[in-house]
Amino acid sequence: MSKTPSSLENFALAKLDGMEAQNLRRRLTVTEPLGAVEVMQGGRRMINFSSNDYLGLNQHPLIKKASMEATEKYGAGAGASRLVTGNHPLYQELEMRLARLKGSEDAVVFGSGFLANSGIIPALIGPDDAVFLDELSHACIFYGARLTQGAHHVFRHNDMDHLRALLEAERHKHPHAMIATDGVFSMDGDLAPIGNLVELAGTHDAWLMTDDAHGIGVVGGGRGSSFAHGARHAVPLQMGTLSKAIGGYGGYLCASHAVCELIRTRCRTFIYSTGLPPGAVAASIAALGLIEGDREFTERPLTLARTFTRELNLPAAESPIVPVILGDTDKTLAAAKLLADESFLIVPIRPPTVPEGTARLRITFSAGHKEADVIRLAKIIREKIIGEDVS
């Protein structure tokens, strides 16, 4: 006997039908890792150009060994939040190593990057304060800003004149203010102008926070966007993740000791989340050791990305992320299928993740990729997807 759908089921089905009609419905696909850059998907062996594992550390034998040894010694999970009994001995070493790499006094490790951003911002900014956000900042930065219940002002992407105008018009209305931005923008691969942001933040007494999820390990000698182009910019709030170039899982904030202590005491996503498994923490410690010890290794993803942009006559890559913007969603889906038939896994990125009319192939480069595969990928895209007259 068939049951009558509830109002909840009808609501969900209607939403799904609407997304299906626009080719915007998302589906999970089982993907089996076969190595640093190869996967098995749908019975087909493919070269993965969609992973954020920019250094291939997820499959590195030293990283896996460290994780297994920590699991054997401390167990599979933390068992509680860090403020209860989940602060196992490995945490202190990881936070010390992160602070050293990022040039800060202290660091706090979170369960994920999303938990970090959605907790740090409302822990520091209140209802009477303001957040100024780059329009292309990650969704979790916007989510954290909304949770403050304060004012938030969005400036045009990397437009320092627009940010300056907003600060001059709005900053004096609030006791405290934060400027929040990605250090490396996840969908476009470009870098924030950190030096200019530091200057504006200082002029207007605004606290600058950069999300370096896609910068640590691969930009600025592995130290991230605050150290790009040979500079060292004094960013007071350096946030990032352990799940991309680091190869594991988790998030972090590098800041002064006083700020980190306040976060440990006040940040809800830190206080009320179970600690990371010991194996995940140990893996990150081992990964940081590799990153600190081999600059050529950390630079290889960007080197390959620049080989790709040179082959396509695109602007030189600034990070291991290169978008090939096709605009139309259907065209982008078809391009991804064509590349899959050539054994390249490149997941198409569609609205609402990116703005309407900017659907794209988001191509990421890993230290594990072969230059010959990068050149072959560029040739297929040039000849079969975007044409020879790329400029």
Protein backbone atom coordinates (compact mmCIF):
# COMPACT_ATOMS: atom_id res chain seq x y z
CA MET A 1 0.00 0.00 0.00
CA SER A 2 1.47 3.34 -1.05
CA LYS A 3 1.68 6.08 1.50
CA THR A 4 0.64 9.70 0.98
CA PRO A 5 3.72 11.95 0.87
CA SER A 6 3.99 14.31 3.82
CA SER A 7 4.28 18.05 3.39
CA LEU A 8 8.00 17.71 4.15
CA GLU A 9 8.50 15.13 1.38
CA ASN A 10 6.47 17.23 -1.07
CA PHE A 11 8.58 20.25 -0.21
CA ALA A 12 11.83 18.31 -0.75
CA LEU A 13 10.64 16.74 -4.04
CA ALA A 14 9.52 20.09 -5.43
CA LYS A 15 12.88 21.65 -4.61
CA LEU A 16 14.75 18.73 -6.18
CA ASP A 17 12.62 18.87 -9.33
CA GLY A 18 13.35 22.57 -9.68
CA MET A 19 17.08 22.04 -9.33
CA GLU A 20 16.97 19.09 -11.73
CA ALA A 21 15.30 21.26 -14.38
CA GLN A 22 18.19 23.75 -14.15
CA ASN A 23 20.94 21.10 -14.05
CA LEU A 24 21.80 22.28 -10.54
CA ARG A 25 21.04 19.15 -8.52
CA ARG A 26 24.08 17.75 -6.73
CA ARG A 27 24.86 14.06 -6.35
CA LEU A 28 27.46 12.10 -4.45
CA THR A 29 29.77 9.89 -6.50
CA VAL A 30 31.84 7.10 -4.97
CA THR A 31 35.49 7.89 -5.68
CA GLU A 32 38.20 5.43 -4.69
CA PRO A 33 41.71 6.87 -4.27
CA LEU A 34 44.40 4.87 -6.06
CA GLY A 35 47.33 7.13 -5.24
CA ALA A 36 48.25 10.78 -4.93
CA VAL A 37 46.49 11.85 -8.16
CA GLU A 38 44.66 8.80 -9.49
CA VAL A 39 41.16 7.61 -8.59
CA MET A 40 38.65 5.00 -9.65
CA GLN A 41 35.20 6.39 -10.41
CA GLY A 42 32.37 4.52 -12.12
CA GLY A 43 34.71 1.68 -13.00
CA ARG A 44 37.10 4.04 -14.79
CA ARG A 45 40.66 4.90 -13.74
CA MET A 46 41.12 8.67 -13.89
CA ILE A 47 43.70 11.37 -13.22
CA ASN A 48 42.28 13.65 -10.54
CA PHE A 49 42.48 17.37 -11.33
CA SER A 50 39.75 18.34 -8.83
CA SER A 51 41.33 17.52 -5.47
CA ASN A 52 42.49 20.14 -2.97
CA ASP A 53 45.24 17.74 -1.83
CA TYR A 54 47.79 20.00 -3.51
CA LEU A 55 50.86 18.15 -2.22
CA GLY A 56 49.52 14.61 -2.44
CA LEU A 57 50.11 14.18 1.29
CA ASN A 58 46.85 12.31 1.83
CA GLN A 59 48.58 9.25 0.35
CA HIS A 60 52.12 9.93 1.56
CA PRO A 61 53.54 6.89 3.41
CA LEU A 62 55.06 8.96 6.23
CA ILE A 63 51.73 10.72 6.85
CA LYS A 64 49.78 7.46 6.90
CA LYS A 65 52.35 5.88 9.21
CA ALA A 66 52.10 8.78 11.68
CA SER A 67 48.31 8.54 11.66
CA MET A 68 48.29 4.79 12.24
CA GLU A 69 50.82 4.98 15.07
CA ALA A 70 48.83 7.70 16.83
CA THR A 71 45.62 5.70 16.44
CA GLU A 72 47.29 2.64 17.90
CA LYS A 73 48.61 4.65 20.87
CA TYR A 74 45.70 7.01 21.64
CA GLY A 75 42.65 5.40 20.02
CA ALA A 76 40.33 6.08 17.10
CA GLY A 77 38.63 9.20 18.49
CA ALA A 78 39.06 12.00 21.01
CA GLY A 79 36.05 10.94 23.07
CA ALA A 80 34.99 14.44 24.14
CA SER A 81 35.36 18.12 23.44
CA ARG A 82 38.81 19.56 24.02
CA LEU A 83 37.70 21.44 27.14
CA VAL A 84 36.46 18.20 28.70
CA THR A 85 38.86 15.28 28.09
CA GLY A 86 39.41 15.40 24.32
CA ASN A 87 42.59 17.50 24.38
CA HIS A 88 44.96 14.59 23.80
CA PRO A 89 48.74 15.14 23.99
CA LEU A 90 49.25 15.65 20.24
CA TYR A 91 47.25 18.89 20.09
CA GLN A 92 49.89 20.99 21.82
CA GLU A 93 52.57 19.98 19.33
CA LEU A 94 50.34 20.68 16.33
CA GLU A 95 49.38 24.14 17.58
CA MET A 96 53.01 24.97 18.31
CA ARG A 97 54.05 23.86 14.80
CA LEU A 98 51.27 25.88 13.15
CA ALA A 99 52.19 29.02 15.11
CA ARG A 100 55.84 28.63 14.09
CA LEU A 101 55.00 28.18 10.41
CA LYS A 102 52.67 31.18 10.36
CA GLY A 103 54.85 33.43 12.54
CA SER A 104 52.29 33.87 15.31
CA GLU A 105 52.41 33.54 19.09
CA ASP A 106 49.80 30.81 19.34
CA ALA A 107 47.31 28.68 17.42
CA VAL A 108 43.96 26.98 18.05
CA VAL A 109 42.92 23.87 16.14
CA PHE A 110 39.24 23.28 15.27
CA GLY A 111 37.25 20.34 13.94
CA SER A 112 37.06 21.85 10.44
CA GLY A 113 37.58 25.06 8.52
CA PHE A 114 33.83 25.70 8.44
CA LEU A 115 33.67 25.35 12.23
CA ALA A 116 36.60 27.73 12.55
CA ASN A 117 35.14 30.56 10.46
CA SER A 118 31.60 30.17 11.72
CA GLY A 119 32.90 30.34 15.30
CA ILE A 120 35.81 32.78 15.27
CA ILE A 121 33.94 35.70 13.70
CA PRO A 122 30.98 35.79 16.15
CA ALA A 123 33.36 35.14 19.07
CA LEU A 124 35.15 38.42 18.28
CA ILE A 125 32.45 40.55 16.65
CA GLY A 126 29.18 41.43 18.39
CA PRO A 127 25.80 42.92 17.43
CA ASP A 128 27.10 46.50 17.62
CA ASP A 129 30.14 45.76 15.45
CA ALA A 130 30.73 45.33 11.71
CA VAL A 131 32.36 42.91 9.30
CA PHE A 132 33.66 43.99 5.89
CA LEU A 133 33.80 41.05 3.45
CA ASP A 134 35.20 40.47 -0.02
CA GLU A 135 32.27 39.43 -2.20
CA LEU A 136 34.01 36.20 -3.22
CA SER A 137 34.89 35.09 0.31
CA HIS A 138 34.04 31.50 1.18
CA ALA A 139 30.47 30.75 2.26
CA CYS A 140 31.53 29.99 5.84
CA ILE A 141 32.92 33.53 6.22
CA PHE A 142 29.55 34.95 5.24
CA TYR A 143 27.86 32.48 7.59
CA GLY A 144 30.08 33.55 10.48
CA ALA A 145 29.40 37.22 9.72
CA ARG A 146 25.64 36.65 9.82
CA LEU A 147 25.95 34.91 13.19
CA THR A 148 27.40 38.08 14.73
CA GLN A 149 24.01 39.81 14.27
CA GLY A 150 26.05 42.90 13.54
CA ALA A 151 26.41 44.91 10.34
CA HIS A 152 28.20 43.38 7.40
CA HIS A 153 29.35 45.27 4.33
CA VAL A 154 30.45 43.53 1.12
CA PHE A 155 33.15 45.07 -1.05
CA ARG A 156 33.79 44.25 -4.70
CA HIS A 157 36.33 41.50 -5.21
CA ASN A 158 39.85 42.72 -4.35
CA ASP A 159 38.69 46.32 -4.89
CA MET A 160 40.62 48.33 -2.32
CA ASP A 161 39.04 51.63 -3.35
CA HIS A 162 35.59 50.21 -2.65
CA LEU A 163 36.71 48.81 0.70
CA ARG A 164 38.30 52.13 1.63
CA ALA A 165 35.06 53.97 0.80
CA LEU A 166 33.02 51.55 2.91
CA LEU A 167 35.40 51.88 5.86
CA GLU A 168 35.33 55.67 5.65
CA ALA A 169 31.53 55.68 5.56
CA GLU A 170 30.76 52.94 8.09
CA ARG A 171 33.66 52.16 10.42
CA HIS A 172 33.04 55.05 12.84
CA LYS A 173 29.53 53.74 13.58
CA HIS A 174 30.83 50.63 15.35
CA PRO A 175 33.05 49.94 18.40
CA HIS A 176 34.87 47.10 16.61
CA ALA A 177 35.28 45.99 13.01
CA MET A 178 36.76 43.07 11.11
CA ILE A 179 37.88 42.75 7.49
CA ALA A 180 37.48 39.13 6.35
CA THR A 181 38.68 37.62 3.10
CA ASP A 182 40.09 34.49 1.51
CA GLY A 183 43.87 34.64 1.16
CA VAL A 184 43.63 32.45 -1.95
CA PHE A 185 40.17 32.45 -3.52
CA SER A 186 38.93 28.91 -3.88
CA MET A 187 37.03 29.23 -7.17
CA ASP A 188 39.27 31.72 -9.01
CA GLY A 189 42.71 30.91 -7.63
CA ASP A 190 43.78 34.54 -7.30
CA LEU A 191 45.31 36.04 -4.16
CA ALA A 192 43.96 38.80 -1.95
CA PRO A 193 46.12 41.97 -1.88
CA ILE A 194 47.25 41.28 1.68
CA GLY A 195 49.62 44.25 1.94
CA ASN A 196 46.89 46.72 0.98
CA LEU A 197 44.43 45.04 3.34
CA VAL A 198 46.90 45.28 6.24
CA GLU A 199 47.37 48.98 5.52
CA LEU A 200 43.63 49.71 5.37
CA ALA A 201 42.97 47.66 8.48
CA GLY A 202 45.61 49.63 10.38
CA THR A 203 44.31 52.99 9.20
CA HIS A 204 40.74 52.20 10.29
CA ASP A 205 41.46 50.02 13.35
CA ALA A 206 39.81 46.98 11.77
CA TRP A 207 40.96 43.44 12.58
CA LEU A 208 42.06 41.60 9.44
CA MET A 209 41.27 37.90 9.13
CA THR A 210 42.46 35.88 6.14
CA ASP A 211 41.22 32.41 5.28
CA ASP A 212 44.30 30.60 4.02
CA ALA A 213 42.65 27.24 3.35
CA HIS A 214 44.08 27.19 -0.19
CA GLY A 215 47.33 29.00 0.61
CA ILE A 216 49.06 27.10 3.39
CA GLY A 217 51.51 24.57 2.03
CA VAL A 218 51.65 25.95 -1.51
CA VAL A 219 51.97 29.77 -1.42
CA GLY A 220 54.67 31.89 0.18
CA GLY A 221 57.13 29.03 0.58
CA GLY A 222 54.40 26.94 2.17
CA ARG A 223 53.61 29.54 4.84
CA GLY A 224 50.56 30.92 3.03
CA SER A 225 49.24 34.11 1.51
CA SER A 226 50.57 36.39 4.26
CA PHE A 227 54.05 35.46 3.00
CA ALA A 228 53.42 35.57 -0.76
CA HIS A 229 55.80 37.38 -3.13
CA GLY A 230 58.63 37.27 -0.59
CA ALA A 231 56.87 39.55 1.89
CA ARG A 232 55.70 38.95 5.44
CA HIS A 233 52.53 40.82 6.28
CA ALA A 234 51.37 41.18 9.87
CA VAL A 235 47.90 39.62 9.64
CA PRO A 236 46.55 39.30 13.20
CA LEU A 237 44.03 36.54 12.41
CA GLN A 238 45.38 33.83 10.09
CA MET A 239 42.77 31.12 9.68
CA GLY A 240 43.08 28.02 7.54
CA THR A 241 42.45 24.31 7.18
CA LEU A 242 44.35 21.08 7.62
CA SER A 243 42.30 19.30 4.95
CA LYS A 244 43.84 20.55 1.71
CA ALA A 245 47.61 20.84 1.17
CA ILE A 246 48.14 19.49 4.71
CA GLY A 247 46.35 16.34 3.55
CA GLY A 248 44.34 15.59 6.70
CA TYR A 249 41.37 17.19 8.40
CA GLY A 250 40.62 20.14 10.68
CA GLY A 251 40.87 23.90 10.84
CA TYR A 252 43.00 26.39 12.75
CA LEU A 253 43.48 30.00 13.82
CA CYS A 254 46.95 31.48 14.26
CA ALA A 255 46.93 34.65 16.33
CA SER A 256 48.32 36.22 19.51
CA HIS A 257 48.25 34.22 22.72
CA ALA A 258 45.56 36.49 24.21
CA VAL A 259 43.28 36.08 21.18
CA CYS A 260 43.74 32.32 21.13
CA GLU A 261 42.95 32.09 24.84
CA LEU A 262 39.78 34.11 24.25
CA ILE A 263 38.78 31.76 21.42
CA ARG A 264 39.34 28.72 23.64
CA THR A 265 37.10 30.30 26.25
CA ARG A 266 34.39 31.89 24.13
CA CYS A 267 34.12 30.28 20.68
CA ARG A 268 31.06 28.03 20.57
CA THR A 269 32.22 25.86 17.67
CA PHE A 270 35.39 25.10 19.63
CA ILE A 271 33.77 24.60 23.02
CA TYR A 272 30.94 22.33 21.88
CA SER A 273 32.72 20.14 19.30
CA THR A 274 34.43 16.82 19.92
CA GLY A 275 38.19 16.95 19.43
CA LEU A 276 39.80 15.62 16.28
CA PRO A 277 40.87 11.96 16.26
CA PRO A 278 44.52 11.53 17.34
CA GLY A 279 45.37 10.06 13.93
CA ALA A 280 44.21 13.22 12.16
CA VAL A 281 46.29 15.44 14.43
CA ALA A 282 49.40 13.27 14.05
CA ALA A 283 49.01 13.29 10.26
CA SER A 284 49.00 17.09 10.24
CA ILE A 285 52.12 17.27 12.42
CA ALA A 286 53.96 14.98 10.03
CA ALA A 287 52.73 16.97 7.01
CA LEU A 288 53.97 20.25 8.46
CA GLY A 289 57.40 18.69 8.87
CA LEU A 290 57.51 17.88 5.15
CA ILE A 291 56.27 21.34 4.20
CA GLU A 292 58.83 23.12 6.35
CA GLY A 293 61.69 21.01 5.01
CA ASP A 294 61.25 21.12 1.22
CA ARG A 295 60.48 24.41 -0.50
CA GLU A 296 60.85 22.94 -4.00
CA PHE A 297 58.14 20.40 -3.10
CA THR A 298 55.74 23.13 -1.94
CA GLU A 299 56.33 25.16 -5.12
CA ARG A 300 55.66 22.32 -7.57
CA PRO A 301 51.83 22.67 -7.71
CA LEU A 302 52.12 26.35 -8.71
CA THR A 303 54.84 25.52 -11.23
CA LEU A 304 52.52 23.00 -12.90
CA ALA A 305 49.60 25.43 -12.79
CA ARG A 306 51.74 28.00 -14.62
CA THR A 307 52.70 25.41 -17.22
CA PHE A 308 48.97 24.88 -17.80
CA THR A 309 48.13 28.60 -18.07
CA ARG A 310 51.06 29.13 -20.41
CA GLU A 311 49.86 26.31 -22.68
CA LEU A 312 46.41 27.95 -22.86
CA ASN A 313 47.68 31.54 -23.10
CA LEU A 314 45.84 32.40 -19.87
CA PRO A 315 47.09 34.86 -17.22
CA ALA A 316 49.83 33.23 -15.15
CA ALA A 317 48.43 31.22 -12.26
CA GLU A 318 48.84 32.71 -8.78
CA SER A 319 48.03 29.47 -6.97
CA PRO A 320 47.42 25.78 -7.79
CA ILE A 321 43.81 26.66 -8.75
CA VAL A 322 43.00 27.62 -12.35
CA PRO A 323 39.42 28.23 -13.50
CA VAL A 324 38.40 27.74 -17.13
CA ILE A 325 35.19 29.75 -17.17
CA LEU A 326 32.70 28.55 -19.79
CA GLY A 327 29.67 30.47 -18.50
CA ASP A 328 26.85 28.17 -19.53
CA THR A 329 25.98 25.33 -17.13
CA ASP A 330 25.09 22.82 -19.85
CA LYS A 331 28.30 23.55 -21.75
CA THR A 332 30.32 23.09 -18.57
CA LEU A 333 28.69 19.75 -17.79
CA ALA A 334 29.37 18.58 -21.35
CA ALA A 335 33.01 19.67 -21.08
CA ALA A 336 33.46 17.73 -17.86
CA LYS A 337 32.03 14.62 -19.53
CA LEU A 338 34.33 15.03 -22.51
CA LEU A 339 37.32 15.23 -20.17
CA ALA A 340 36.10 12.21 -18.22
CA ASP A 341 36.08 10.26 -21.48
CA GLU A 342 39.75 11.25 -21.77
CA SER A 343 40.34 9.91 -18.20
CA PHE A 344 40.56 13.33 -16.53
CA LEU A 345 38.42 13.94 -13.44
CA ILE A 346 37.47 17.62 -13.37
CA VAL A 347 34.27 18.35 -11.49
CA PRO A 348 32.15 21.13 -13.06
CA ILE A 349 31.38 24.05 -10.76
CA ARG A 350 27.91 25.59 -11.17
CA PRO A 351 25.75 28.22 -9.50
CA PRO A 352 25.07 28.85 -6.67
CA THR A 353 28.67 27.96 -5.75
CA VAL A 354 29.75 30.53 -8.35
CA PRO A 355 27.76 33.50 -9.72
CA GLU A 356 25.22 33.00 -12.49
CA GLY A 357 26.83 32.92 -15.92
CA THR A 358 30.25 31.84 -14.60
CA ALA A 359 30.00 28.03 -14.56
CA ARG A 360 33.49 26.66 -14.89
CA LEU A 361 35.98 23.86 -14.90
CA ARG A 362 37.92 24.38 -11.67
CA ILE A 363 41.26 22.70 -12.28
CA THR A 364 43.66 22.06 -9.42
CA PHE A 365 47.27 20.97 -9.56
CA SER A 366 49.15 18.63 -7.26
CA ALA A 367 52.81 17.94 -6.67
CA GLY A 368 51.96 14.40 -7.77
CA HIS A 369 50.87 15.35 -11.29
CA LYS A 370 53.14 14.66 -14.26
CA GLU A 371 53.99 17.58 -16.51
CA ALA A 372 53.09 15.48 -19.57
CA ASP A 373 49.55 14.96 -18.23
CA VAL A 374 49.20 18.70 -17.55
CA ILE A 375 50.22 19.51 -21.12
CA ARG A 376 47.90 16.85 -22.56
CA LEU A 377 44.99 18.23 -20.51
CA ALA A 378 45.68 21.75 -21.77
CA LYS A 379 45.81 20.52 -25.38
CA ILE A 380 42.42 18.77 -25.10
CA ILE A 381 40.80 21.83 -23.51
CA ARG A 382 42.30 24.13 -26.15
CA GLU A 383 41.32 22.00 -29.13
CA LYS A 384 38.02 20.45 -28.05
CA ILE A 385 36.43 22.85 -25.53
CA ILE A 386 37.48 26.46 -25.91
CA GLY A 387 39.16 26.59 -29.32
CA GLU A 388 42.62 27.65 -30.39
CA ASP A 389 42.13 31.43 -30.13
CA VAL A 390 42.39 31.65 -26.34
CA SER A 391 43.40 35.05 -25.03
